[in-house]
Amino acid sequence: MSYHFSKIVEKSFNETLDLVVQELKEEGFGVLSNIDVQAALKKHGVDFRQYRILGACNPHFAHQALLAEPHIGTMLPCNVVVREMEDGG
């Protein structure tokens, strides 16, 4: 069972991150959080590739979902991951 959609992008990590944020905005999603997993792990002495978790939300869709299912808040905001491939790509 797959629980995600994925796409490999042939751009640098930072270019890809900027592009994803731009595309989310164009689709009506705001980025409410931007978790830098690499930086968080580095504070604990762990070396890890570039990995960001963006918390994205479209207020209209969130409102509709909350009206239909009050407990859906446990699934909000929507997580979007931008990560460097293990081989550095």
PDB file of N, CA and C in Angstrom:
ATOM      1  N   MET A   1       0.846  -1.177   0.000  1.00  0.00           N
ATOM      2  CA  MET A   1       0.000   0.000   0.000  1.00  0.00           C
ATOM      3  C   MET A   1       0.893   1.243   0.000  1.00  0.00           C
ATOM      4  N   SER A   2       0.661   2.119  -0.914  1.00  0.00           N
ATOM      5  CA  SER A   2       1.427   3.357  -0.999  1.00  0.00           C
ATOM      6  C   SER A   2       0.669   4.466  -0.273  1.00  0.00           C
ATOM      7  N   TYR A   3       1.369   5.255   0.464  1.00  0.00           N
ATOM      8  CA  TYR A   3       0.753   6.344   1.218  1.00  0.00           C
ATOM      9  C   TYR A   3       1.268   7.714   0.778  1.00  0.00           C
ATOM     10  N   HIS A   4       1.888   7.746  -0.393  1.00  0.00           N
ATOM     11  CA  HIS A   4       2.436   9.009  -0.866  1.00  0.00           C
ATOM     12  C   HIS A   4       2.470   9.056  -2.391  1.00  0.00           C
ATOM     13  N   PHE A   5       2.625  10.264  -2.885  1.00  0.00           N
ATOM     14  CA  PHE A   5       2.904  10.505  -4.295  1.00  0.00           C
ATOM     15  C   PHE A   5       4.322  11.049  -4.339  1.00  0.00           C
ATOM     16  N   SER A   6       5.070  10.716  -5.368  1.00  0.00           N
ATOM     17  CA  SER A   6       6.432  11.233  -5.440  1.00  0.00           C
ATOM     18  C   SER A   6       6.809  11.581  -6.870  1.00  0.00           C
ATOM     19  N   LYS A   7       7.804  12.438  -6.958  1.00  0.00           N
ATOM     20  CA  LYS A   7       8.322  12.854  -8.259  1.00  0.00           C
ATOM     21  C   LYS A   7       9.793  13.194  -8.076  1.00  0.00           C
ATOM     22  N   ILE A   8      10.621  12.714  -8.968  1.00  0.00           N
ATOM     23  CA  ILE A   8      12.039  13.052  -8.955  1.00  0.00           C
ATOM     24  C   ILE A   8      12.233  14.259  -9.860  1.00  0.00           C
ATOM     25  N   VAL A   9      12.907  15.273  -9.343  1.00  0.00           N
ATOM     26  CA  VAL A   9      13.117  16.523 -10.067  1.00  0.00           C
ATOM     27  C   VAL A   9      14.615  16.692 -10.294  1.00  0.00           C
ATOM     28  N   GLU A  10      14.986  16.979 -11.525  1.00  0.00           N
ATOM     29  CA  GLU A  10      16.401  17.143 -11.879  1.00  0.00           C
ATOM     30  C   GLU A  10      16.838  18.590 -11.684  1.00  0.00           C
ATOM     31  N   LYS A  11      16.766  19.067 -10.449  1.00  0.00           N
ATOM     32  CA  LYS A  11      17.197  20.417 -10.084  1.00  0.00           C
ATOM     33  C   LYS A  11      17.934  20.317  -8.758  1.00  0.00           C
ATOM     34  N   SER A  12      18.582  21.396  -8.376  1.00  0.00           N
ATOM     35  CA  SER A  12      19.236  21.405  -7.068  1.00  0.00           C
ATOM     36  C   SER A  12      18.168  21.353  -5.974  1.00  0.00           C
ATOM     37  N   PHE A  13      18.594  21.002  -4.782  1.00  0.00           N
ATOM     38  CA  PHE A  13      17.660  20.935  -3.661  1.00  0.00           C
ATOM     39  C   PHE A  13      16.970  22.279  -3.443  1.00  0.00           C
ATOM     40  N   ASN A  14      17.751  23.357  -3.378  1.00  0.00           N
ATOM     41  CA  ASN A  14      17.169  24.678  -3.114  1.00  0.00           C
ATOM     42  C   ASN A  14      16.250  25.144  -4.233  1.00  0.00           C
ATOM     43  N   GLU A  15      16.615  24.870  -5.480  1.00  0.00           N
ATOM     44  CA  GLU A  15      15.734  25.220  -6.605  1.00  0.00           C
ATOM     45  C   GLU A  15      14.419  24.453  -6.491  1.00  0.00           C
ATOM     46  N   THR A  16      14.511  23.190  -6.142  1.00  0.00           N
ATOM     47  CA  THR A  16      13.315  22.357  -6.019  1.00  0.00           C
ATOM     48  C   THR A  16      12.436  22.844  -4.879  1.00  0.00           C
ATOM     49  N   LEU A  17      13.044  23.156  -3.752  1.00  0.00           N
ATOM     50  CA  LEU A  17      12.288  23.655  -2.602  1.00  0.00           C
ATOM     51  C   LEU A  17      11.549  24.937  -2.972  1.00  0.00           C
ATOM     52  N   ASP A  18      12.239  25.868  -3.618  1.00  0.00           N
ATOM     53  CA  ASP A  18      11.606  27.122  -4.044  1.00  0.00           C
ATOM     54  C   ASP A  18      10.468  26.861  -5.025  1.00  0.00           C
ATOM     55  N   LEU A  19      10.678  25.946  -5.955  1.00  0.00           N
ATOM     56  CA  LEU A  19       9.661  25.614  -6.948  1.00  0.00           C
ATOM     57  C   LEU A  19       8.425  25.002  -6.290  1.00  0.00           C
ATOM     58  N   VAL A  20       8.629  24.110  -5.345  1.00  0.00           N
ATOM     59  CA  VAL A  20       7.506  23.471  -4.653  1.00  0.00           C
ATOM     60  C   VAL A  20       6.693  24.513  -3.889  1.00  0.00           C
ATOM     61  N   VAL A  21       7.359  25.402  -3.171  1.00  0.00           N
ATOM     62  CA  VAL A  21       6.653  26.449  -2.425  1.00  0.00           C
ATOM     63  C   VAL A  21       5.866  27.341  -3.381  1.00  0.00           C
ATOM     64  N   GLN A  22       6.471  27.706  -4.507  1.00  0.00           N
ATOM     65  CA  GLN A  22       5.798  28.538  -5.511  1.00  0.00           C
ATOM     66  C   GLN A  22       4.563  27.829  -6.069  1.00  0.00           C
ATOM     67  N   GLU A  23       4.707  26.561  -6.414  1.00  0.00           N
ATOM     68  CA  GLU A  23       3.585  25.799  -6.975  1.00  0.00           C
ATOM     69  C   GLU A  23       2.465  25.628  -5.950  1.00  0.00           C
ATOM     70  N   LEU A  24       2.819  25.401  -4.695  1.00  0.00           N
ATOM     71  CA  LEU A  24       1.801  25.298  -3.648  1.00  0.00           C
ATOM     72  C   LEU A  24       1.005  26.593  -3.559  1.00  0.00           C
ATOM     73  N   LYS A  25       1.696  27.725  -3.591  1.00  0.00           N
ATOM     74  CA  LYS A  25       1.022  29.025  -3.518  1.00  0.00           C
ATOM     75  C   LYS A  25       0.096  29.224  -4.704  1.00  0.00           C
ATOM     76  N   GLU A  26       0.553  28.833  -5.894  1.00  0.00           N
ATOM     77  CA  GLU A  26      -0.279  28.983  -7.091  1.00  0.00           C
ATOM     78  C   GLU A  26      -1.540  28.129  -7.014  1.00  0.00           C
ATOM     79  N   GLU A  27      -1.498  27.054  -6.236  1.00  0.00           N
ATOM     80  CA  GLU A  27      -2.664  26.184  -6.069  1.00  0.00           C
ATOM     81  C   GLU A  27      -3.487  26.555  -4.837  1.00  0.00           C
ATOM     82  N   GLY A  28      -3.140  27.668  -4.194  1.00  0.00           N
ATOM     83  CA  GLY A  28      -3.915  28.157  -3.061  1.00  0.00           C
ATOM     84  C   GLY A  28      -3.490  27.617  -1.703  1.00  0.00           C
ATOM     85  N   PHE A  29      -2.317  27.005  -1.638  1.00  0.00           N
ATOM     86  CA  PHE A  29      -1.815  26.461  -0.382  1.00  0.00           C
ATOM     87  C   PHE A  29      -0.770  27.400   0.213  1.00  0.00           C
ATOM     88  N   GLY A  30      -0.906  27.681   1.488  1.00  0.00           N
ATOM     89  CA  GLY A  30       0.123  28.409   2.204  1.00  0.00           C
ATOM     90  C   GLY A  30       1.021  27.418   2.915  1.00  0.00           C
ATOM     91  N   VAL A  31       2.267  27.799   3.127  1.00  0.00           N
ATOM     92  CA  VAL A  31       3.195  26.949   3.868  1.00  0.00           C
ATOM     93  C   VAL A  31       3.216  27.455   5.308  1.00  0.00           C
ATOM     94  N   LEU A  32       2.641  26.662   6.208  1.00  0.00           N
ATOM     95  CA  LEU A  32       2.519  27.047   7.608  1.00  0.00           C
ATOM     96  C   LEU A  32       3.742  26.672   8.429  1.00  0.00           C
ATOM     97  N   SER A  33       4.455  25.652   7.972  1.00  0.00           N
ATOM     98  CA  SER A  33       5.663  25.235   8.683  1.00  0.00           C
ATOM     99  C   SER A  33       6.693  24.739   7.681  1.00  0.00           C
ATOM    100  N   ASN A  34       7.952  24.846   8.079  1.00  0.00           N
ATOM    101  CA  ASN A  34       9.055  24.425   7.226  1.00  0.00           C
ATOM    102  C   ASN A  34      10.093  23.801   8.158  1.00  0.00           C
ATOM    103  N   ILE A  35      10.064  22.489   8.268  1.00  0.00           N
ATOM    104  CA  ILE A  35      10.931  21.778   9.203  1.00  0.00           C
ATOM    105  C   ILE A  35      12.184  21.312   8.474  1.00  0.00           C
ATOM    106  N   ASP A  36      13.321  21.794   8.929  1.00  0.00           N
ATOM    107  CA  ASP A  36      14.613  21.419   8.363  1.00  0.00           C
ATOM    108  C   ASP A  36      15.129  20.216   9.154  1.00  0.00           C
ATOM    109  N   VAL A  37      14.855  19.025   8.655  1.00  0.00           N
ATOM    110  CA  VAL A  37      15.222  17.791   9.347  1.00  0.00           C
ATOM    111  C   VAL A  37      16.738  17.668   9.455  1.00  0.00           C
ATOM    112  N   GLN A  38      17.458  18.043   8.409  1.00  0.00           N
ATOM    113  CA  GLN A  38      18.916  17.969   8.428  1.00  0.00           C
ATOM    114  C   GLN A  38      19.481  18.796   9.587  1.00  0.00           C
ATOM    115  N   ALA A  39      18.997  20.024   9.746  1.00  0.00           N
ATOM    116  CA  ALA A  39      19.481  20.899  10.816  1.00  0.00           C
ATOM    117  C   ALA A  39      19.099  20.358  12.187  1.00  0.00           C
ATOM    118  N   ALA A  40      17.888  19.826  12.309  1.00  0.00           N
ATOM    119  CA  ALA A  40      17.446  19.277  13.593  1.00  0.00           C
ATOM    120  C   ALA A  40      18.303  18.087  14.009  1.00  0.00           C
ATOM    121  N   LEU A  41      18.610  17.217  13.065  1.00  0.00           N
ATOM    122  CA  LEU A  41      19.426  16.049  13.382  1.00  0.00           C
ATOM    123  C   LEU A  41      20.875  16.433  13.662  1.00  0.00           C
ATOM    124  N   LYS A  42      21.359  17.460  12.959  1.00  0.00           N
ATOM    125  CA  LYS A  42      22.742  17.903  13.159  1.00  0.00           C
ATOM    126  C   LYS A  42      22.964  18.363  14.599  1.00  0.00           C
ATOM    127  N   LYS A  43      21.939  18.969  15.203  1.00  0.00           N
ATOM    128  CA  LYS A  43      22.036  19.406  16.600  1.00  0.00           C
ATOM    129  C   LYS A  43      22.294  18.232  17.543  1.00  0.00           C
ATOM    130  N   HIS A  44      21.968  17.033  17.076  1.00  0.00           N
ATOM    131  CA  HIS A  44      22.156  15.821  17.877  1.00  0.00           C
ATOM    132  C   HIS A  44      23.311  14.974  17.356  1.00  0.00           C
ATOM    133  N   GLY A  45      24.163  15.591  16.541  1.00  0.00           N
ATOM    134  CA  GLY A  45      25.351  14.915  16.049  1.00  0.00           C
ATOM    135  C   GLY A  45      25.120  13.930  14.922  1.00  0.00           C
ATOM    136  N   VAL A  46      23.968  14.010  14.270  1.00  0.00           N
ATOM    137  CA  VAL A  46      23.645  13.090  13.177  1.00  0.00           C
ATOM    138  C   VAL A  46      23.820  13.807  11.844  1.00  0.00           C
ATOM    139  N   ASP A  47      24.607  13.215  10.953  1.00  0.00           N
ATOM    140  CA  ASP A  47      24.806  13.764   9.611  1.00  0.00           C
ATOM    141  C   ASP A  47      23.744  13.163   8.699  1.00  0.00           C
ATOM    142  N   PHE A  48      22.920  14.011   8.098  1.00  0.00           N
ATOM    143  CA  PHE A  48      21.813  13.542   7.262  1.00  0.00           C
ATOM    144  C   PHE A  48      21.705  14.441   6.050  1.00  0.00           C
ATOM    145  N   ARG A  49      21.190  13.884   4.960  1.00  0.00           N
ATOM    146  CA  ARG A  49      21.036  14.654   3.719  1.00  0.00           C
ATOM    147  C   ARG A  49      19.981  15.757   3.902  1.00  0.00           C
ATOM    148  N   GLN A  50      19.901  16.663   2.933  1.00  0.00           N
ATOM    149  CA  GLN A  50      18.910  17.735   2.975  1.00  0.00           C
ATOM    150  C   GLN A  50      17.512  17.130   2.893  1.00  0.00           C
ATOM    151  N   TYR A  51      16.650  17.551   3.821  1.00  0.00           N
ATOM    152  CA  TYR A  51      15.322  16.956   3.943  1.00  0.00           C
ATOM    153  C   TYR A  51      14.434  17.986   4.630  1.00  0.00           C
ATOM    154  N   ARG A  52      13.393  18.428   3.938  1.00  0.00           N
ATOM    155  CA  ARG A  52      12.459  19.408   4.493  1.00  0.00           C
ATOM    156  C   ARG A  52      11.055  18.826   4.520  1.00  0.00           C
ATOM    157  N   ILE A  53      10.337  19.154   5.574  1.00  0.00           N
ATOM    158  CA  ILE A  53       8.922  18.808   5.675  1.00  0.00           C
ATOM    159  C   ILE A  53       8.153  20.123   5.712  1.00  0.00           C
ATOM    160  N   LEU A  54       7.378  20.370   4.665  1.00  0.00           N
ATOM    161  CA  LEU A  54       6.566  21.579   4.579  1.00  0.00           C
ATOM    162  C   LEU A  54       5.152  21.254   5.038  1.00  0.00           C
ATOM    163  N   GLY A  55       4.623  22.065   5.923  1.00  0.00           N
ATOM    164  CA  GLY A  55       3.227  21.922   6.340  1.00  0.00           C
ATOM    165  C   GLY A  55       2.385  22.862   5.497  1.00  0.00           C
ATOM    166  N   ALA A  56       1.659  22.315   4.535  1.00  0.00           N
ATOM    167  CA  ALA A  56       0.899  23.125   3.579  1.00  0.00           C
ATOM    168  C   ALA A  56      -0.595  23.036   3.870  1.00  0.00           C
ATOM    169  N   CYS A  57      -1.290  24.149   3.668  1.00  0.00           N
ATOM    170  CA  CYS A  57      -2.728  24.165   3.937  1.00  0.00           C
ATOM    171  C   CYS A  57      -3.445  25.082   2.950  1.00  0.00           C
ATOM    172  N   ASN A  58      -4.560  24.592   2.450  1.00  0.00           N
ATOM    173  CA  ASN A  58      -5.468  25.397   1.644  1.00  0.00           C
ATOM    174  C   ASN A  58      -6.677  25.658   2.544  1.00  0.00           C
ATOM    175  N   PRO A  59      -6.900  26.896   2.973  1.00  0.00           N
ATOM    176  CA  PRO A  59      -7.972  27.177   3.927  1.00  0.00           C
ATOM    177  C   PRO A  59      -9.348  26.681   3.485  1.00  0.00           C
ATOM    178  N   HIS A  60      -9.663  26.819   2.210  1.00  0.00           N
ATOM    179  CA  HIS A  60     -10.969  26.374   1.713  1.00  0.00           C
ATOM    180  C   HIS A  60     -11.123  24.862   1.869  1.00  0.00           C
ATOM    181  N   PHE A  61     -10.121  24.116   1.413  1.00  0.00           N
ATOM    182  CA  PHE A  61     -10.192  22.656   1.516  1.00  0.00           C
ATOM    183  C   PHE A  61     -10.166  22.202   2.971  1.00  0.00           C
ATOM    184  N   ALA A  62      -9.358  22.875   3.790  1.00  0.00           N
ATOM    185  CA  ALA A  62      -9.291  22.517   5.208  1.00  0.00           C
ATOM    186  C   ALA A  62     -10.649  22.728   5.872  1.00  0.00           C
ATOM    187  N   HIS A  63     -11.296  23.827   5.555  1.00  0.00           N
ATOM    188  CA  HIS A  63     -12.614  24.106   6.129  1.00  0.00           C
ATOM    189  C   HIS A  63     -13.624  23.042   5.717  1.00  0.00           C
ATOM    190  N   GLN A  64     -13.646  22.702   4.430  1.00  0.00           N
ATOM    191  CA  GLN A  64     -14.565  21.658   3.957  1.00  0.00           C
ATOM    192  C   GLN A  64     -14.302  20.336   4.668  1.00  0.00           C
ATOM    193  N   ALA A  65     -13.039  19.982   4.809  1.00  0.00           N
ATOM    194  CA  ALA A  65     -12.682  18.721   5.455  1.00  0.00           C
ATOM    195  C   ALA A  65     -13.103  18.721   6.922  1.00  0.00           C
ATOM    196  N   LEU A  66     -12.891  19.843   7.614  1.00  0.00           N
ATOM    197  CA  LEU A  66     -13.259  19.929   9.026  1.00  0.00           C
ATOM    198  C   LEU A  66     -14.768  19.878   9.226  1.00  0.00           C
ATOM    199  N   LEU A  67     -15.518  20.443   8.294  1.00  0.00           N
ATOM    200  CA  LEU A  67     -16.977  20.350   8.381  1.00  0.00           C
ATOM    201  C   LEU A  67     -17.445  18.913   8.204  1.00  0.00           C
ATOM    202  N   ALA A  68     -16.798  18.190   7.308  1.00  0.00           N
ATOM    203  CA  ALA A  68     -17.180  16.802   7.035  1.00  0.00           C
ATOM    204  C   ALA A  68     -16.712  15.849   8.134  1.00  0.00           C
ATOM    205  N   GLU A  69     -15.553  16.143   8.721  1.00  0.00           N
ATOM    206  CA  GLU A  69     -14.979  15.243   9.732  1.00  0.00           C
ATOM    207  C   GLU A  69     -14.183  16.068  10.736  1.00  0.00           C
ATOM    208  N   PRO A  70     -14.766  16.367  11.897  1.00  0.00           N
ATOM    209  CA  PRO A  70     -14.093  17.212  12.888  1.00  0.00           C
ATOM    210  C   PRO A  70     -12.725  16.696  13.349  1.00  0.00           C
ATOM    211  N   HIS A  71     -12.499  15.390  13.295  1.00  0.00           N
ATOM    212  CA  HIS A  71     -11.225  14.826  13.737  1.00  0.00           C
ATOM    213  C   HIS A  71     -10.136  14.881  12.658  1.00  0.00           C
ATOM    214  N   ILE A  72     -10.465  15.403  11.488  1.00  0.00           N
ATOM    215  CA  ILE A  72      -9.491  15.445  10.393  1.00  0.00           C
ATOM    216  C   ILE A  72      -8.312  16.356  10.739  1.00  0.00           C
ATOM    217  N   GLY A  73      -8.471  17.177  11.754  1.00  0.00           N
ATOM    218  CA  GLY A  73      -7.382  18.051  12.178  1.00  0.00           C
ATOM    219  C   GLY A  73      -6.105  17.300  12.520  1.00  0.00           C
ATOM    220  N   THR A  74      -6.233  16.019  12.859  1.00  0.00           N
ATOM    221  CA  THR A  74      -5.035  15.218  13.134  1.00  0.00           C
ATOM    222  C   THR A  74      -4.217  14.990  11.874  1.00  0.00           C
ATOM    223  N   MET A  75      -4.807  15.235  10.723  1.00  0.00           N
ATOM    224  CA  MET A  75      -4.125  15.040   9.442  1.00  0.00           C
ATOM    225  C   MET A  75      -3.712  16.369   8.798  1.00  0.00           C
ATOM    226  N   LEU A  76      -3.948  17.462   9.483  1.00  0.00           N
ATOM    227  CA  LEU A  76      -3.639  18.780   8.943  1.00  0.00           C
ATOM    228  C   LEU A  76      -2.456  19.391   9.688  1.00  0.00           C
ATOM    229  N   PRO A  77      -1.639  20.217   9.053  1.00  0.00           N
ATOM    230  CA  PRO A  77      -1.679  20.519   7.631  1.00  0.00           C
ATOM    231  C   PRO A  77      -1.157  19.343   6.809  1.00  0.00           C
ATOM    232  N   CYS A  78      -1.287  19.457   5.519  1.00  0.00           N
ATOM    233  CA  CYS A  78      -0.777  18.427   4.609  1.00  0.00           C
ATOM    234  C   CYS A  78       0.746  18.513   4.583  1.00  0.00           C
ATOM    235  N   ASN A  79       1.404  17.383   4.722  1.00  0.00           N
ATOM    236  CA  ASN A  79       2.868  17.362   4.676  1.00  0.00           C
ATOM    237  C   ASN A  79       3.357  17.164   3.251  1.00  0.00           C
ATOM    238  N   VAL A  80       4.302  18.002   2.872  1.00  0.00           N
ATOM    239  CA  VAL A  80       4.969  17.891   1.578  1.00  0.00           C
ATOM    240  C   VAL A  80       6.460  17.788   1.883  1.00  0.00           C
ATOM    241  N   VAL A  81       7.097  16.733   1.390  1.00  0.00           N
ATOM    242  CA  VAL A  81       8.510  16.502   1.673  1.00  0.00           C
ATOM    243  C   VAL A  81       9.346  16.808   0.437  1.00  0.00           C
ATOM    244  N   VAL A  82      10.400  17.573   0.639  1.00  0.00           N
ATOM    245  CA  VAL A  82      11.417  17.795  -0.393  1.00  0.00           C
ATOM    246  C   VAL A  82      12.696  17.241   0.201  1.00  0.00           C
ATOM    247  N   ARG A  83      13.286  16.276  -0.500  1.00  0.00           N
ATOM    248  CA  ARG A  83      14.479  15.646   0.061  1.00  0.00           C
ATOM    249  C   ARG A  83      15.522  15.403  -1.007  1.00  0.00           C
ATOM    250  N   GLU A  84      16.743  15.432  -0.571  1.00  0.00           N
ATOM    251  CA  GLU A  84      17.858  15.095  -1.438  1.00  0.00           C
ATOM    252  C   GLU A  84      17.916  13.574  -1.530  1.00  0.00           C
ATOM    253  N   MET A  85      18.158  13.070  -2.715  1.00  0.00           N
ATOM    254  CA  MET A  85      18.262  11.623  -2.884  1.00  0.00           C
ATOM    255  C   MET A  85      19.491  11.119  -2.136  1.00  0.00           C
ATOM    256  N   GLU A  86      19.471   9.865  -1.748  1.00  0.00           N
ATOM    257  CA  GLU A  86      20.574   9.297  -0.981  1.00  0.00           C
ATOM    258  C   GLU A  86      21.902   9.369  -1.720  1.00  0.00           C
ATOM    259  N   ASP A  87      21.853   9.380  -3.049  1.00  0.00           N
ATOM    260  CA  ASP A  87      23.089   9.464  -3.836  1.00  0.00           C
ATOM    261  C   ASP A  87      23.537  10.911  -4.043  1.00  0.00           C
ATOM    262  N   GLY A  88      22.847  11.846  -3.389  1.00  0.00           N
ATOM    263  CA  GLY A  88      23.214  13.256  -3.495  1.00  0.00           C
ATOM    264  C   GLY A  88      22.483  14.005  -4.578  1.00  0.00           C
ATOM    265  N   GLY A  89      21.643  13.335  -5.343  1.00  0.00           N
ATOM    266  CA  GLY A  89      20.904  13.989  -6.422  1.00  0.00           C
ATOM    267  C   GLY A  89      19.637  14.619  -5.974  1.00  0.00           C
TER     268      GLY A  89
END
